[in-house]
Amino acid sequence: MAGKKKSGQSRKDEPKFEEALADLEEVVRQLEEGDVPLEESLTAFERGVALVRLLHLRLDAVQTRVEELTRSERGDLTTREIDDE
């Protein structure tokens, strides 16, 4: 199931967001070059999918944290669109 960690795996073992993004960019580069054997391409693709899931989870967590930090003095949540850049 997406979002569940393998037993014994802690968040400390997971790469930081920037590291995971760099890893994903490297996977994409390898796949775009097209000179990787089929089995290695499949393994790289699976790694890329796992990295995308991890990055989405991290972004969702950050968005939730930002929303929590933008509560008004009365405790009302004031949400603002996060600019996509």
PDB file of N, CA and C in Angstrom:
ATOM      1  N   MET A   1       0.854  -1.182   0.000  1.00  0.00           N
ATOM      2  CA  MET A   1       0.000   0.000   0.000  1.00  0.00           C
ATOM      3  C   MET A   1       0.891   1.233   0.000  1.00  0.00           C
ATOM      4  N   ALA A   2       0.556   2.232  -0.788  1.00  0.00           N
ATOM      5  CA  ALA A   2       1.343   3.455  -0.874  1.00  0.00           C
ATOM      6  C   ALA A   2       1.322   4.170   0.456  1.00  0.00           C
ATOM      7  N   GLY A   3       2.487   4.709   0.836  1.00  0.00           N
ATOM      8  CA  GLY A   3       2.562   5.466   2.059  1.00  0.00           C
ATOM      9  C   GLY A   3       3.020   4.643   3.245  1.00  0.00           C
ATOM     10  N   LYS A   4       2.971   3.323   3.154  1.00  0.00           N
ATOM     11  CA  LYS A   4       3.432   2.495   4.250  1.00  0.00           C
ATOM     12  C   LYS A   4       4.909   2.224   4.057  1.00  0.00           C
ATOM     13  N   LYS A   5       5.614   2.206   5.180  1.00  0.00           N
ATOM     14  CA  LYS A   5       7.035   1.938   5.133  1.00  0.00           C
ATOM     15  C   LYS A   5       7.275   0.458   5.330  1.00  0.00           C
ATOM     16  N   LYS A   6       8.338  -0.043   4.745  1.00  0.00           N
ATOM     17  CA  LYS A   6       8.713  -1.424   4.963  1.00  0.00           C
ATOM     18  C   LYS A   6       9.120  -1.569   6.416  1.00  0.00           C
ATOM     19  N   SER A   7       8.897  -2.738   6.978  1.00  0.00           N
ATOM     20  CA  SER A   7       9.230  -2.944   8.378  1.00  0.00           C
ATOM     21  C   SER A   7      10.713  -2.695   8.587  1.00  0.00           C
ATOM     22  N   GLY A   8      11.023  -2.003   9.670  1.00  0.00           N
ATOM     23  CA  GLY A   8      12.398  -1.687   9.985  1.00  0.00           C
ATOM     24  C   GLY A   8      12.920  -0.447   9.281  1.00  0.00           C
ATOM     25  N   GLN A   9      12.156   0.128   8.384  1.00  0.00           N
ATOM     26  CA  GLN A   9      12.605   1.312   7.655  1.00  0.00           C
ATOM     27  C   GLN A   9      12.065   2.549   8.353  1.00  0.00           C
ATOM     28  N   SER A  10      12.959   3.443   8.724  1.00  0.00           N
ATOM     29  CA  SER A  10      12.527   4.669   9.388  1.00  0.00           C
ATOM     30  C   SER A  10      12.691   5.838   8.436  1.00  0.00           C
ATOM     31  N   ARG A  11      12.089   6.954   8.824  1.00  0.00           N
ATOM     32  CA  ARG A  11      12.188   8.156   7.994  1.00  0.00           C
ATOM     33  C   ARG A  11      13.641   8.604   7.878  1.00  0.00           C
ATOM     34  N   LYS A  12      14.448   8.304   8.916  1.00  0.00           N
ATOM     35  CA  LYS A  12      15.858   8.672   8.872  1.00  0.00           C
ATOM     36  C   LYS A  12      16.585   7.958   7.735  1.00  0.00           C
ATOM     37  N   ASP A  13      16.100   6.761   7.371  1.00  0.00           N
ATOM     38  CA  ASP A  13      16.726   5.995   6.296  1.00  0.00           C
ATOM     39  C   ASP A  13      16.358   6.529   4.920  1.00  0.00           C
ATOM     40  N   GLU A  14      15.271   7.287   4.829  1.00  0.00           N
ATOM     41  CA  GLU A  14      14.810   7.809   3.549  1.00  0.00           C
ATOM     42  C   GLU A  14      15.645   9.026   3.157  1.00  0.00           C
ATOM     43  N   PRO A  15      15.853   9.200   1.856  1.00  0.00           N
ATOM     44  CA  PRO A  15      16.623  10.372   1.419  1.00  0.00           C
ATOM     45  C   PRO A  15      15.849  11.662   1.667  1.00  0.00           C
ATOM     46  N   LYS A  16      16.582  12.750   1.811  1.00  0.00           N
ATOM     47  CA  LYS A  16      15.946  14.060   1.923  1.00  0.00           C
ATOM     48  C   LYS A  16      15.266  14.372   0.598  1.00  0.00           C
ATOM     49  N   PHE A  17      14.335  15.331   0.626  1.00  0.00           N
ATOM     50  CA  PHE A  17      13.568  15.676  -0.571  1.00  0.00           C
ATOM     51  C   PHE A  17      14.490  15.979  -1.745  1.00  0.00           C
ATOM     52  N   GLU A  18      15.476  16.822  -1.516  1.00  0.00           N
ATOM     53  CA  GLU A  18      16.368  17.232  -2.599  1.00  0.00           C
ATOM     54  C   GLU A  18      17.152  16.049  -3.159  1.00  0.00           C
ATOM     55  N   GLU A  19      17.565  15.134  -2.269  1.00  0.00           N
ATOM     56  CA  GLU A  19      18.292  13.949  -2.716  1.00  0.00           C
ATOM     57  C   GLU A  19      17.390  13.043  -3.548  1.00  0.00           C
ATOM     58  N   ALA A  20      16.152  12.858  -3.089  1.00  0.00           N
ATOM     59  CA  ALA A  20      15.202  12.016  -3.821  1.00  0.00           C
ATOM     60  C   ALA A  20      14.897  12.621  -5.187  1.00  0.00           C
ATOM     61  N   LEU A  21      14.761  13.942  -5.235  1.00  0.00           N
ATOM     62  CA  LEU A  21      14.501  14.612  -6.509  1.00  0.00           C
ATOM     63  C   LEU A  21      15.685  14.446  -7.462  1.00  0.00           C
ATOM     64  N   ALA A  22      16.893  14.585  -6.941  1.00  0.00           N
ATOM     65  CA  ALA A  22      18.088  14.392  -7.772  1.00  0.00           C
ATOM     66  C   ALA A  22      18.164  12.949  -8.270  1.00  0.00           C
ATOM     67  N   ASP A  23      17.819  11.993  -7.401  1.00  0.00           N
ATOM     68  CA  ASP A  23      17.801  10.586  -7.811  1.00  0.00           C
ATOM     69  C   ASP A  23      16.784  10.367  -8.926  1.00  0.00           C
ATOM     70  N   LEU A  24      15.610  10.970  -8.782  1.00  0.00           N
ATOM     71  CA  LEU A  24      14.574  10.834  -9.808  1.00  0.00           C
ATOM     72  C   LEU A  24      15.043  11.433 -11.131  1.00  0.00           C
ATOM     73  N   GLU A  25      15.679  12.589 -11.069  1.00  0.00           N
ATOM     74  CA  GLU A  25      16.194  13.213 -12.288  1.00  0.00           C
ATOM     75  C   GLU A  25      17.223  12.311 -12.971  1.00  0.00           C
ATOM     76  N   GLU A  26      18.045  11.630 -12.183  1.00  0.00           N
ATOM     77  CA  GLU A  26      19.038  10.709 -12.740  1.00  0.00           C
ATOM     78  C   GLU A  26      18.354   9.507 -13.395  1.00  0.00           C
ATOM     79  N   VAL A  27      17.321   8.977 -12.761  1.00  0.00           N
ATOM     80  CA  VAL A  27      16.568   7.863 -13.341  1.00  0.00           C
ATOM     81  C   VAL A  27      15.964   8.287 -14.677  1.00  0.00           C
ATOM     82  N   VAL A  28      15.364   9.465 -14.706  1.00  0.00           N
ATOM     83  CA  VAL A  28      14.756   9.967 -15.944  1.00  0.00           C
ATOM     84  C   VAL A  28      15.819  10.124 -17.027  1.00  0.00           C
ATOM     85  N   ARG A  29      16.965  10.662 -16.657  1.00  0.00           N
ATOM     86  CA  ARG A  29      18.052  10.837 -17.630  1.00  0.00           C
ATOM     87  C   ARG A  29      18.467   9.494 -18.222  1.00  0.00           C
ATOM     88  N   GLN A  30      18.637   8.490 -17.356  1.00  0.00           N
ATOM     89  CA  GLN A  30      19.033   7.157 -17.829  1.00  0.00           C
ATOM     90  C   GLN A  30      17.993   6.584 -18.787  1.00  0.00           C
ATOM     91  N   LEU A  31      16.732   6.717 -18.418  1.00  0.00           N
ATOM     92  CA  LEU A  31      15.670   6.160 -19.256  1.00  0.00           C
ATOM     93  C   LEU A  31      15.546   6.910 -20.578  1.00  0.00           C
ATOM     94  N   GLU A  32      15.755   8.215 -20.553  1.00  0.00           N
ATOM     95  CA  GLU A  32      15.660   9.000 -21.783  1.00  0.00           C
ATOM     96  C   GLU A  32      16.796   8.689 -22.750  1.00  0.00           C
ATOM     97  N   GLU A  33      17.960   8.359 -22.216  1.00  0.00           N
ATOM     98  CA  GLU A  33      19.086   8.020 -23.090  1.00  0.00           C
ATOM     99  C   GLU A  33      18.792   6.761 -23.887  1.00  0.00           C
ATOM    100  N   GLY A  34      18.077   5.827 -23.284  1.00  0.00           N
ATOM    101  CA  GLY A  34      17.635   4.644 -23.997  1.00  0.00           C
ATOM    102  C   GLY A  34      18.675   3.582 -24.260  1.00  0.00           C
ATOM    103  N   ASP A  35      19.881   3.737 -23.728  1.00  0.00           N
ATOM    104  CA  ASP A  35      20.901   2.723 -23.987  1.00  0.00           C
ATOM    105  C   ASP A  35      21.101   1.782 -22.799  1.00  0.00           C
ATOM    106  N   VAL A  36      20.080   1.666 -21.955  1.00  0.00           N
ATOM    107  CA  VAL A  36      20.111   0.769 -20.806  1.00  0.00           C
ATOM    108  C   VAL A  36      19.345  -0.495 -21.190  1.00  0.00           C
ATOM    109  N   PRO A  37      19.880  -1.672 -20.850  1.00  0.00           N
ATOM    110  CA  PRO A  37      19.162  -2.914 -21.160  1.00  0.00           C
ATOM    111  C   PRO A  37      17.755  -2.928 -20.548  1.00  0.00           C
ATOM    112  N   LEU A  38      16.886  -3.716 -21.147  1.00  0.00           N
ATOM    113  CA  LEU A  38      15.475  -3.750 -20.761  1.00  0.00           C
ATOM    114  C   LEU A  38      15.274  -4.007 -19.271  1.00  0.00           C
ATOM    115  N   GLU A  39      15.919  -5.014 -18.723  1.00  0.00           N
ATOM    116  CA  GLU A  39      15.727  -5.341 -17.302  1.00  0.00           C
ATOM    117  C   GLU A  39      16.180  -4.187 -16.405  1.00  0.00           C
ATOM    118  N   GLU A  40      17.289  -3.560 -16.750  1.00  0.00           N
ATOM    119  CA  GLU A  40      17.763  -2.415 -15.974  1.00  0.00           C
ATOM    120  C   GLU A  40      16.808  -1.235 -16.123  1.00  0.00           C
ATOM    121  N   SER A  41      16.242  -1.076 -17.307  1.00  0.00           N
ATOM    122  CA  SER A  41      15.262  -0.006 -17.525  1.00  0.00           C
ATOM    123  C   SER A  41      14.034  -0.216 -16.659  1.00  0.00           C
ATOM    124  N   LEU A  42      13.573  -1.456 -16.574  1.00  0.00           N
ATOM    125  CA  LEU A  42      12.410  -1.761 -15.745  1.00  0.00           C
ATOM    126  C   LEU A  42      12.705  -1.487 -14.278  1.00  0.00           C
ATOM    127  N   THR A  43      13.879  -1.888 -13.824  1.00  0.00           N
ATOM    128  CA  THR A  43      14.278  -1.628 -12.439  1.00  0.00           C
ATOM    129  C   THR A  43      14.361  -0.126 -12.179  1.00  0.00           C
ATOM    130  N   ALA A  44      14.934   0.607 -13.124  1.00  0.00           N
ATOM    131  CA  ALA A  44      15.037   2.060 -12.982  1.00  0.00           C
ATOM    132  C   ALA A  44      13.648   2.697 -12.964  1.00  0.00           C
ATOM    133  N   PHE A  45      12.753   2.217 -13.816  1.00  0.00           N
ATOM    134  CA  PHE A  45      11.386   2.739 -13.850  1.00  0.00           C
ATOM    135  C   PHE A  45      10.695   2.508 -12.510  1.00  0.00           C
ATOM    136  N   GLU A  46      10.835   1.309 -11.952  1.00  0.00           N
ATOM    137  CA  GLU A  46      10.242   1.005 -10.645  1.00  0.00           C
ATOM    138  C   GLU A  46      10.810   1.923  -9.568  1.00  0.00           C
ATOM    139  N   ARG A  47      12.109   2.163  -9.619  1.00  0.00           N
ATOM    140  CA  ARG A  47      12.752   3.078  -8.666  1.00  0.00           C
ATOM    141  C   ARG A  47      12.177   4.487  -8.840  1.00  0.00           C
ATOM    142  N   GLY A  48      11.988   4.900 -10.074  1.00  0.00           N
ATOM    143  CA  GLY A  48      11.415   6.218 -10.348  1.00  0.00           C
ATOM    144  C   GLY A  48      10.013   6.351  -9.790  1.00  0.00           C
ATOM    145  N   VAL A  49       9.196   5.320  -9.956  1.00  0.00           N
ATOM    146  CA  VAL A  49       7.829   5.350  -9.423  1.00  0.00           C
ATOM    147  C   VAL A  49       7.865   5.471  -7.900  1.00  0.00           C
ATOM    148  N   ALA A  50       8.756   4.720  -7.258  1.00  0.00           N
ATOM    149  CA  ALA A  50       8.876   4.794  -5.801  1.00  0.00           C
ATOM    150  C   ALA A  50       9.313   6.192  -5.362  1.00  0.00           C
ATOM    151  N   LEU A  51      10.227   6.789  -6.105  1.00  0.00           N
ATOM    152  CA  LEU A  51      10.683   8.141  -5.774  1.00  0.00           C
ATOM    153  C   LEU A  51       9.566   9.162  -5.954  1.00  0.00           C
ATOM    154  N   VAL A  52       8.783   9.030  -7.016  1.00  0.00           N
ATOM    155  CA  VAL A  52       7.654   9.947  -7.237  1.00  0.00           C
ATOM    156  C   VAL A  52       6.674   9.850  -6.072  1.00  0.00           C
ATOM    157  N   ARG A  53       6.374   8.638  -5.637  1.00  0.00           N
ATOM    158  CA  ARG A  53       5.458   8.460  -4.501  1.00  0.00           C
ATOM    159  C   ARG A  53       6.015   9.112  -3.243  1.00  0.00           C
ATOM    160  N   LEU A  54       7.299   8.892  -2.981  1.00  0.00           N
ATOM    161  CA  LEU A  54       7.938   9.489  -1.813  1.00  0.00           C
ATOM    162  C   LEU A  54       7.880  11.013  -1.888  1.00  0.00           C
ATOM    163  N   LEU A  55       8.189  11.567  -3.050  1.00  0.00           N
ATOM    164  CA  LEU A  55       8.175  13.020  -3.215  1.00  0.00           C
ATOM    165  C   LEU A  55       6.772  13.587  -3.039  1.00  0.00           C
ATOM    166  N   HIS A  56       5.762  12.898  -3.551  1.00  0.00           N
ATOM    167  CA  HIS A  56       4.379  13.353  -3.368  1.00  0.00           C
ATOM    168  C   HIS A  56       3.998  13.346  -1.887  1.00  0.00           C
ATOM    169  N   LEU A  57       4.388  12.303  -1.174  1.00  0.00           N
ATOM    170  CA  LEU A  57       4.093  12.242   0.260  1.00  0.00           C
ATOM    171  C   LEU A  57       4.757  13.396   1.002  1.00  0.00           C
ATOM    172  N   ARG A  58       6.008  13.665   0.648  1.00  0.00           N
ATOM    173  CA  ARG A  58       6.725  14.768   1.299  1.00  0.00           C
ATOM    174  C   ARG A  58       6.063  16.107   0.996  1.00  0.00           C
ATOM    175  N   LEU A  59       5.677  16.322  -0.264  1.00  0.00           N
ATOM    176  CA  LEU A  59       5.020  17.582  -0.633  1.00  0.00           C
ATOM    177  C   LEU A  59       3.677  17.731   0.076  1.00  0.00           C
ATOM    178  N   ASP A  60       2.916  16.645   0.173  1.00  0.00           N
ATOM    179  CA  ASP A  60       1.638  16.693   0.895  1.00  0.00           C
ATOM    180  C   ASP A  60       1.857  17.058   2.355  1.00  0.00           C
ATOM    181  N   ALA A  61       2.894  16.478   2.968  1.00  0.00           N
ATOM    182  CA  ALA A  61       3.194  16.768   4.368  1.00  0.00           C
ATOM    183  C   ALA A  61       3.586  18.231   4.552  1.00  0.00           C
ATOM    184  N   VAL A  62       4.377  18.749   3.624  1.00  0.00           N
ATOM    185  CA  VAL A  62       4.788  20.155   3.702  1.00  0.00           C
ATOM    186  C   VAL A  62       3.579  21.068   3.528  1.00  0.00           C
ATOM    187  N   GLN A  63       2.701  20.732   2.594  1.00  0.00           N
ATOM    188  CA  GLN A  63       1.512  21.556   2.377  1.00  0.00           C
ATOM    189  C   GLN A  63       0.652  21.585   3.638  1.00  0.00           C
ATOM    190  N   THR A  64       0.474  20.438   4.280  1.00  0.00           N
ATOM    191  CA  THR A  64      -0.295  20.380   5.520  1.00  0.00           C
ATOM    192  C   THR A  64       0.359  21.232   6.593  1.00  0.00           C
ATOM    193  N   ARG A  65       1.666  21.147   6.685  1.00  0.00           N
ATOM    194  CA  ARG A  65       2.383  21.932   7.697  1.00  0.00           C
ATOM    195  C   ARG A  65       2.236  23.430   7.433  1.00  0.00           C
ATOM    196  N   VAL A  66       2.335  23.834   6.177  1.00  0.00           N
ATOM    197  CA  VAL A  66       2.169  25.247   5.825  1.00  0.00           C
ATOM    198  C   VAL A  66       0.769  25.709   6.200  1.00  0.00           C
ATOM    199  N   GLU A  67      -0.239  24.879   5.912  1.00  0.00           N
ATOM    200  CA  GLU A  67      -1.609  25.242   6.268  1.00  0.00           C
ATOM    201  C   GLU A  67      -1.761  25.381   7.775  1.00  0.00           C
ATOM    202  N   GLU A  68      -1.121  24.501   8.538  1.00  0.00           N
ATOM    203  CA  GLU A  68      -1.189  24.596   9.992  1.00  0.00           C
ATOM    204  C   GLU A  68      -0.522  25.871  10.488  1.00  0.00           C
ATOM    205  N   LEU A  69       0.539  26.265   9.836  1.00  0.00           N
ATOM    206  CA  LEU A  69       1.278  27.452  10.255  1.00  0.00           C
ATOM    207  C   LEU A  69       0.585  28.746   9.860  1.00  0.00           C
ATOM    208  N   THR A  70      -0.416  28.662   8.996  1.00  0.00           N
ATOM    209  CA  THR A  70      -1.099  29.878   8.571  1.00  0.00           C
ATOM    210  C   THR A  70      -2.458  30.028   9.243  1.00  0.00           C
ATOM    211  N   ARG A  71      -2.619  29.448  10.415  1.00  0.00           N
ATOM    212  CA  ARG A  71      -3.865  29.625  11.163  1.00  0.00           C
ATOM    213  C   ARG A  71      -3.928  31.063  11.694  1.00  0.00           C
ATOM    214  N   SER A  72      -5.125  31.595  11.728  1.00  0.00           N
ATOM    215  CA  SER A  72      -5.296  32.954  12.239  1.00  0.00           C
ATOM    216  C   SER A  72      -5.187  32.937  13.761  1.00  0.00           C
ATOM    217  N   GLU A  73      -5.187  34.124  14.357  1.00  0.00           N
ATOM    218  CA  GLU A  73      -5.096  34.227  15.811  1.00  0.00           C
ATOM    219  C   GLU A  73      -6.261  33.538  16.504  1.00  0.00           C
ATOM    220  N   ARG A  74      -7.424  33.484  15.855  1.00  0.00           N
ATOM    221  CA  ARG A  74      -8.589  32.815  16.438  1.00  0.00           C
ATOM    222  C   ARG A  74      -8.528  31.307  16.243  1.00  0.00           C
ATOM    223  N   GLY A  75      -7.525  30.851  15.562  1.00  0.00           N
ATOM    224  CA  GLY A  75      -7.402  29.428  15.311  1.00  0.00           C
ATOM    225  C   GLY A  75      -8.011  28.986  14.002  1.00  0.00           C
ATOM    226  N   ASP A  76      -8.578  29.947  13.265  1.00  0.00           N
ATOM    227  CA  ASP A  76      -9.152  29.610  11.963  1.00  0.00           C
ATOM    228  C   ASP A  76      -8.024  29.372  10.965  1.00  0.00           C
ATOM    229  N   LEU A  77      -8.224  28.391  10.149  1.00  0.00           N
ATOM    230  CA  LEU A  77      -7.233  28.099   9.128  1.00  0.00           C
ATOM    231  C   LEU A  77      -7.433  29.038   7.953  1.00  0.00           C
ATOM    232  N   THR A  78      -6.407  29.784   7.649  1.00  0.00           N
ATOM    233  CA  THR A  78      -6.459  30.667   6.493  1.00  0.00           C
ATOM    234  C   THR A  78      -5.542  30.069   5.437  1.00  0.00           C
ATOM    235  N   THR A  79      -6.136  29.521   4.427  1.00  0.00           N
ATOM    236  CA  THR A  79      -5.320  28.901   3.390  1.00  0.00           C
ATOM    237  C   THR A  79      -5.112  29.870   2.245  1.00  0.00           C
ATOM    238  N   ARG A  80      -3.953  29.744   1.665  1.00  0.00           N
ATOM    239  CA  ARG A  80      -3.610  30.523   0.496  1.00  0.00           C
ATOM    240  C   ARG A  80      -3.069  29.562  -0.540  1.00  0.00           C
ATOM    241  N   GLU A  81      -3.304  29.898  -1.777  1.00  0.00           N
ATOM    242  CA  GLU A  81      -2.767  29.067  -2.844  1.00  0.00           C
ATOM    243  C   GLU A  81      -1.247  29.092  -2.767  1.00  0.00           C
ATOM    244  N   ILE A  82      -0.659  27.927  -2.904  1.00  0.00           N
ATOM    245  CA  ILE A  82       0.787  27.839  -2.963  1.00  0.00           C
ATOM    246  C   ILE A  82       1.163  27.961  -4.430  1.00  0.00           C
ATOM    247  N   ASP A  83       1.978  28.952  -4.747  1.00  0.00           N
ATOM    248  CA  ASP A  83       2.360  29.198  -6.136  1.00  0.00           C
ATOM    249  C   ASP A  83       3.175  28.043  -6.674  1.00  0.00           C
ATOM    250  N   ASP A  84       2.775  27.532  -7.826  1.00  0.00           N
ATOM    251  CA  ASP A  84       3.546  26.511  -8.522  1.00  0.00           C
ATOM    252  C   ASP A  84       4.590  27.222  -9.357  1.00  0.00           C
ATOM    253  N   GLU A  85       5.834  26.867  -9.140  1.00  0.00           N
ATOM    254  CA  GLU A  85       6.910  27.475  -9.925  1.00  0.00           C
ATOM    255  C   GLU A  85       7.626  26.429 -10.702  1.00  0.00           C
TER     256      GLU A  85
END
